[in-house]
Amino acid sequence: MPRLKLEISGSYPFSTEIPVRVSDLNYGAHVGNDALLSILHEARLRYLRSMGYENELNISGAGLIMTDVAVTYRSEGFLGDVLKIEVGIADVTRVGFDFVYRVFNQTRDQEMALAKTAMAAFDVEKRKVQNLPEPFRRKIPASLTCEVRSNG
């Protein structure tokens, strides 16, 4: 069966810490897939706030919507573990870009996951994709590259 390979290189301009909550656990008593997406969403929002944006609904005149996600898991996270999530932006296009993430479990001193979420600029009133606003584009540090491959 083909496996997903996510390669991210460069330096992350932002990081934040998020503790694992009981609601993040699945029946295996570790961080669930759905919870990791929620954790990434929180880290993404914190990064946007550090850039001067309140939320994903107005990024210099455009909303943001997620068009795909890729996650590769390296280790588990458990209740009370503190996760350091590094966030950056890669692969900017006319209408979007990728948020890229490195999740490091500080409590266990292990990399937990690598992820990327493809985002598109979206006109929330017209319900359609639009060009990425130039003021936002100018704020993006050009420090990361991301490649997603399948080994099969």
C-alpha atoms as a PDB file:
ATOM      1  CA  MET A   1       0.000   0.000   0.000  1.00  0.00           C
ATOM      2  CA  PRO A   2       1.390   3.436  -0.920  1.00  0.00           C
ATOM      3  CA  ARG A   3       2.377   5.610   2.025  1.00  0.00           C
ATOM      4  CA  LEU A   4       2.275   9.384   2.234  1.00  0.00           C
ATOM      5  CA  LYS A   5       5.601  11.154   2.679  1.00  0.00           C
ATOM      6  CA  LEU A   6       5.644  14.763   3.801  1.00  0.00           C
ATOM      7  CA  GLU A   7       8.909  16.669   3.549  1.00  0.00           C
ATOM      8  CA  ILE A   8       9.145  20.173   4.988  1.00  0.00           C
ATOM      9  CA  SER A   9      12.351  22.175   4.959  1.00  0.00           C
ATOM     10  CA  GLY A  10      13.267  25.633   6.164  1.00  0.00           C
ATOM     11  CA  SER A  11      12.651  27.580   9.341  1.00  0.00           C
ATOM     12  CA  TYR A  12       9.271  28.091  10.957  1.00  0.00           C
ATOM     13  CA  PRO A  13       8.530  31.747  11.762  1.00  0.00           C
ATOM     14  CA  PHE A  14       6.008  30.981  14.524  1.00  0.00           C
ATOM     15  CA  SER A  15       5.516  28.499  17.352  1.00  0.00           C
ATOM     16  CA  THR A  16       2.999  28.017  20.133  1.00  0.00           C
ATOM     17  CA  GLU A  17       2.426  25.541  22.952  1.00  0.00           C
ATOM     18  CA  ILE A  18      -0.820  23.632  23.403  1.00  0.00           C
ATOM     19  CA  PRO A  19      -1.387  21.071  26.181  1.00  0.00           C
ATOM     20  CA  VAL A  20      -3.202  17.829  25.365  1.00  0.00           C
ATOM     21  CA  ARG A  21      -6.683  17.888  26.928  1.00  0.00           C
ATOM     22  CA  VAL A  22      -8.845  14.917  27.862  1.00  0.00           C
ATOM     23  CA  SER A  23     -11.166  15.813  24.976  1.00  0.00           C
ATOM     24  CA  ASP A  24      -8.220  15.365  22.570  1.00  0.00           C
ATOM     25  CA  LEU A  25      -7.938  11.649  23.407  1.00  0.00           C
ATOM     26  CA  ASN A  26      -9.496   8.806  21.450  1.00  0.00           C
ATOM     27  CA  TYR A  27     -10.359   5.290  22.602  1.00  0.00           C
ATOM     28  CA  GLY A  28      -6.653   4.399  22.392  1.00  0.00           C
ATOM     29  CA  ALA A  29      -6.020   7.024  25.121  1.00  0.00           C
ATOM     30  CA  HIS A  30      -3.787   9.082  22.816  1.00  0.00           C
ATOM     31  CA  VAL A  31      -4.375  12.183  20.670  1.00  0.00           C
ATOM     32  CA  GLY A  32      -6.949  11.327  18.010  1.00  0.00           C
ATOM     33  CA  ASN A  33      -6.788  12.267  14.326  1.00  0.00           C
ATOM     34  CA  ASP A  34      -9.721  14.646  14.648  1.00  0.00           C
ATOM     35  CA  ALA A  35      -8.195  16.295  17.705  1.00  0.00           C
ATOM     36  CA  LEU A  36      -4.903  16.869  15.924  1.00  0.00           C
ATOM     37  CA  LEU A  37      -6.745  18.780  13.189  1.00  0.00           C
ATOM     38  CA  SER A  38      -8.344  20.921  15.886  1.00  0.00           C
ATOM     39  CA  ILE A  39      -4.941  21.532  17.491  1.00  0.00           C
ATOM     40  CA  LEU A  40      -3.502  22.539  14.101  1.00  0.00           C
ATOM     41  CA  HIS A  41      -6.455  24.883  13.589  1.00  0.00           C
ATOM     42  CA  GLU A  42      -5.774  26.562  16.949  1.00  0.00           C
ATOM     43  CA  ALA A  43      -2.066  26.941  16.110  1.00  0.00           C
ATOM     44  CA  ARG A  44      -2.939  28.352  12.665  1.00  0.00           C
ATOM     45  CA  LEU A  45      -5.278  30.917  14.229  1.00  0.00           C
ATOM     46  CA  ARG A  46      -2.612  31.943  16.745  1.00  0.00           C
ATOM     47  CA  TYR A  47      -0.142  32.429  13.876  1.00  0.00           C
ATOM     48  CA  LEU A  48      -2.638  34.568  11.961  1.00  0.00           C
ATOM     49  CA  ARG A  49      -3.223  36.649  15.099  1.00  0.00           C
ATOM     50  CA  SER A  50       0.534  37.197  15.395  1.00  0.00           C
ATOM     51  CA  MET A  51       0.352  38.599  11.827  1.00  0.00           C
ATOM     52  CA  GLY A  52      -2.392  41.038  12.883  1.00  0.00           C
ATOM     53  CA  TYR A  53      -5.496  39.118  11.765  1.00  0.00           C
ATOM     54  CA  GLU A  54      -8.343  38.337  14.152  1.00  0.00           C
ATOM     55  CA  ASN A  55      -9.516  35.179  12.400  1.00  0.00           C
ATOM     56  CA  GLU A  56      -9.706  33.361   9.052  1.00  0.00           C
ATOM     57  CA  LEU A  57     -12.788  35.242   7.868  1.00  0.00           C
ATOM     58  CA  ASN A  58     -10.944  38.425   6.899  1.00  0.00           C
ATOM     59  CA  ILE A  59      -7.353  38.169   5.740  1.00  0.00           C
ATOM     60  CA  SER A  60      -6.880  41.577   4.110  1.00  0.00           C
ATOM     61  CA  GLY A  61     -10.301  41.275   2.463  1.00  0.00           C
ATOM     62  CA  ALA A  62     -10.513  37.522   1.860  1.00  0.00           C
ATOM     63  CA  GLY A  63     -11.616  34.578   3.924  1.00  0.00           C
ATOM     64  CA  LEU A  64      -9.610  31.368   4.016  1.00  0.00           C
ATOM     65  CA  ILE A  65     -10.920  27.865   3.376  1.00  0.00           C
ATOM     66  CA  MET A  66      -9.065  24.580   3.661  1.00  0.00           C
ATOM     67  CA  THR A  67      -8.852  22.626   0.408  1.00  0.00           C
ATOM     68  CA  ASP A  68      -6.842  19.628   1.591  1.00  0.00           C
ATOM     69  CA  VAL A  69      -4.824  18.273   4.476  1.00  0.00           C
ATOM     70  CA  ALA A  70      -1.897  15.867   4.814  1.00  0.00           C
ATOM     71  CA  VAL A  71      -0.592  14.494   8.103  1.00  0.00           C
ATOM     72  CA  THR A  72       2.180  12.039   8.874  1.00  0.00           C
ATOM     73  CA  TYR A  73       2.416  10.730  12.422  1.00  0.00           C
ATOM     74  CA  ARG A  74       5.716  10.033  14.175  1.00  0.00           C
ATOM     75  CA  SER A  75       4.688   9.326  17.779  1.00  0.00           C
ATOM     76  CA  GLU A  76       1.808   9.520  20.229  1.00  0.00           C
ATOM     77  CA  GLY A  77       0.600  12.300  22.493  1.00  0.00           C
ATOM     78  CA  PHE A  78      -1.049  11.674  25.861  1.00  0.00           C
ATOM     79  CA  LEU A  79      -3.124  13.572  28.409  1.00  0.00           C
ATOM     80  CA  GLY A  80      -1.124  16.430  29.924  1.00  0.00           C
ATOM     81  CA  ASP A  81       1.653  16.359  27.309  1.00  0.00           C
ATOM     82  CA  VAL A  82       2.657  19.799  26.088  1.00  0.00           C
ATOM     83  CA  LEU A  83       2.848  20.095  22.316  1.00  0.00           C
ATOM     84  CA  LYS A  84       4.941  22.737  20.598  1.00  0.00           C
ATOM     85  CA  ILE A  85       3.445  23.470  17.194  1.00  0.00           C
ATOM     86  CA  GLU A  86       5.673  25.282  14.727  1.00  0.00           C
ATOM     87  CA  VAL A  87       3.792  26.956  11.879  1.00  0.00           C
ATOM     88  CA  GLY A  88       4.818  28.503   8.587  1.00  0.00           C
ATOM     89  CA  ILE A  89       3.606  29.128   5.058  1.00  0.00           C
ATOM     90  CA  ALA A  90       4.843  27.457   1.877  1.00  0.00           C
ATOM     91  CA  ASP A  91       3.966  27.110  -1.793  1.00  0.00           C
ATOM     92  CA  VAL A  92       2.145  30.390  -2.334  1.00  0.00           C
ATOM     93  CA  THR A  93       0.053  30.542  -5.526  1.00  0.00           C
ATOM     94  CA  ARG A  94      -2.268  33.111  -7.082  1.00  0.00           C
ATOM     95  CA  VAL A  95      -5.215  32.005  -4.926  1.00  0.00           C
ATOM     96  CA  GLY A  96      -3.699  30.165  -1.981  1.00  0.00           C
ATOM     97  CA  PHE A  97      -0.849  28.612  -0.060  1.00  0.00           C
ATOM     98  CA  ASP A  98      -0.009  25.812   2.372  1.00  0.00           C
ATOM     99  CA  PHE A  99       0.201  26.195   6.112  1.00  0.00           C
ATOM    100  CA  VAL A 100       2.875  23.740   7.251  1.00  0.00           C
ATOM    101  CA  TYR A 101       3.266  22.416  10.779  1.00  0.00           C
ATOM    102  CA  ARG A 102       5.733  20.525  12.911  1.00  0.00           C
ATOM    103  CA  VAL A 103       4.199  19.110  16.093  1.00  0.00           C
ATOM    104  CA  PHE A 104       6.790  18.358  18.764  1.00  0.00           C
ATOM    105  CA  ASN A 105       5.840  16.649  22.031  1.00  0.00           C
ATOM    106  CA  GLN A 106       7.945  18.587  24.537  1.00  0.00           C
ATOM    107  CA  THR A 107       6.956  16.339  27.425  1.00  0.00           C
ATOM    108  CA  ARG A 108       8.315  13.215  25.714  1.00  0.00           C
ATOM    109  CA  ASP A 109      11.011  14.979  23.644  1.00  0.00           C
ATOM    110  CA  GLN A 110       9.672  13.478  20.385  1.00  0.00           C
ATOM    111  CA  GLU A 111       8.462  14.754  17.077  1.00  0.00           C
ATOM    112  CA  MET A 112       4.782  13.821  16.980  1.00  0.00           C
ATOM    113  CA  ALA A 113       3.616  14.823  13.488  1.00  0.00           C
ATOM    114  CA  LEU A 114       4.239  16.812  10.344  1.00  0.00           C
ATOM    115  CA  ALA A 115       1.261  18.321   8.547  1.00  0.00           C
ATOM    116  CA  LYS A 116       0.162  20.717   5.868  1.00  0.00           C
ATOM    117  CA  THR A 117      -3.185  22.306   5.156  1.00  0.00           C
ATOM    118  CA  ALA A 118      -3.768  23.841   1.733  1.00  0.00           C
ATOM    119  CA  MET A 119      -5.708  27.086   2.007  1.00  0.00           C
ATOM    120  CA  ALA A 120      -7.499  29.128  -0.645  1.00  0.00           C
ATOM    121  CA  ALA A 121      -8.565  32.757  -0.511  1.00  0.00           C
ATOM    122  CA  PHE A 122     -12.351  32.801  -0.506  1.00  0.00           C
ATOM    123  CA  ASP A 123     -14.968  35.488  -1.031  1.00  0.00           C
ATOM    124  CA  VAL A 124     -17.443  34.558   1.710  1.00  0.00           C
ATOM    125  CA  GLU A 125     -20.277  36.627   0.224  1.00  0.00           C
ATOM    126  CA  LYS A 126     -19.922  35.327  -3.350  1.00  0.00           C
ATOM    127  CA  ARG A 127     -18.990  31.805  -2.134  1.00  0.00           C
ATOM    128  CA  LYS A 128     -16.078  31.478  -4.551  1.00  0.00           C
ATOM    129  CA  VAL A 129     -12.289  31.407  -4.643  1.00  0.00           C
ATOM    130  CA  GLN A 130     -10.534  34.731  -5.159  1.00  0.00           C
ATOM    131  CA  ASN A 131      -6.988  36.008  -5.563  1.00  0.00           C
ATOM    132  CA  LEU A 132      -4.843  36.029  -2.437  1.00  0.00           C
ATOM    133  CA  PRO A 133      -4.805  39.665  -1.232  1.00  0.00           C
ATOM    134  CA  GLU A 134      -1.515  41.451  -1.834  1.00  0.00           C
ATOM    135  CA  PRO A 135      -1.277  42.913   1.728  1.00  0.00           C
ATOM    136  CA  PHE A 136      -1.410  39.371   3.132  1.00  0.00           C
ATOM    137  CA  ARG A 137       1.047  38.086   0.521  1.00  0.00           C
ATOM    138  CA  ARG A 138       3.565  40.756   1.575  1.00  0.00           C
ATOM    139  CA  LYS A 139       3.432  39.547   5.207  1.00  0.00           C
ATOM    140  CA  ILE A 140       4.383  35.960   4.329  1.00  0.00           C
ATOM    141  CA  PRO A 141       7.992  35.098   5.164  1.00  0.00           C
ATOM    142  CA  ALA A 142       9.543  33.025   2.362  1.00  0.00           C
ATOM    143  CA  SER A 143      11.219  30.480   4.614  1.00  0.00           C
ATOM    144  CA  LEU A 144       9.633  27.074   3.989  1.00  0.00           C
ATOM    145  CA  THR A 145       9.120  24.515   1.247  1.00  0.00           C
ATOM    146  CA  CYS A 146       6.800  21.544   1.424  1.00  0.00           C
ATOM    147  CA  GLU A 147       6.524  18.433  -0.715  1.00  0.00           C
ATOM    148  CA  VAL A 148       3.953  15.674  -0.413  1.00  0.00           C
ATOM    149  CA  ARG A 149       4.743  12.368  -2.121  1.00  0.00           C
ATOM    150  CA  SER A 150       3.513   8.810  -2.148  1.00  0.00           C
ATOM    151  CA  ASN A 151       6.074   6.020  -1.978  1.00  0.00           C
ATOM    152  CA  GLY A 152       3.994   3.673  -4.091  1.00  0.00           C
END
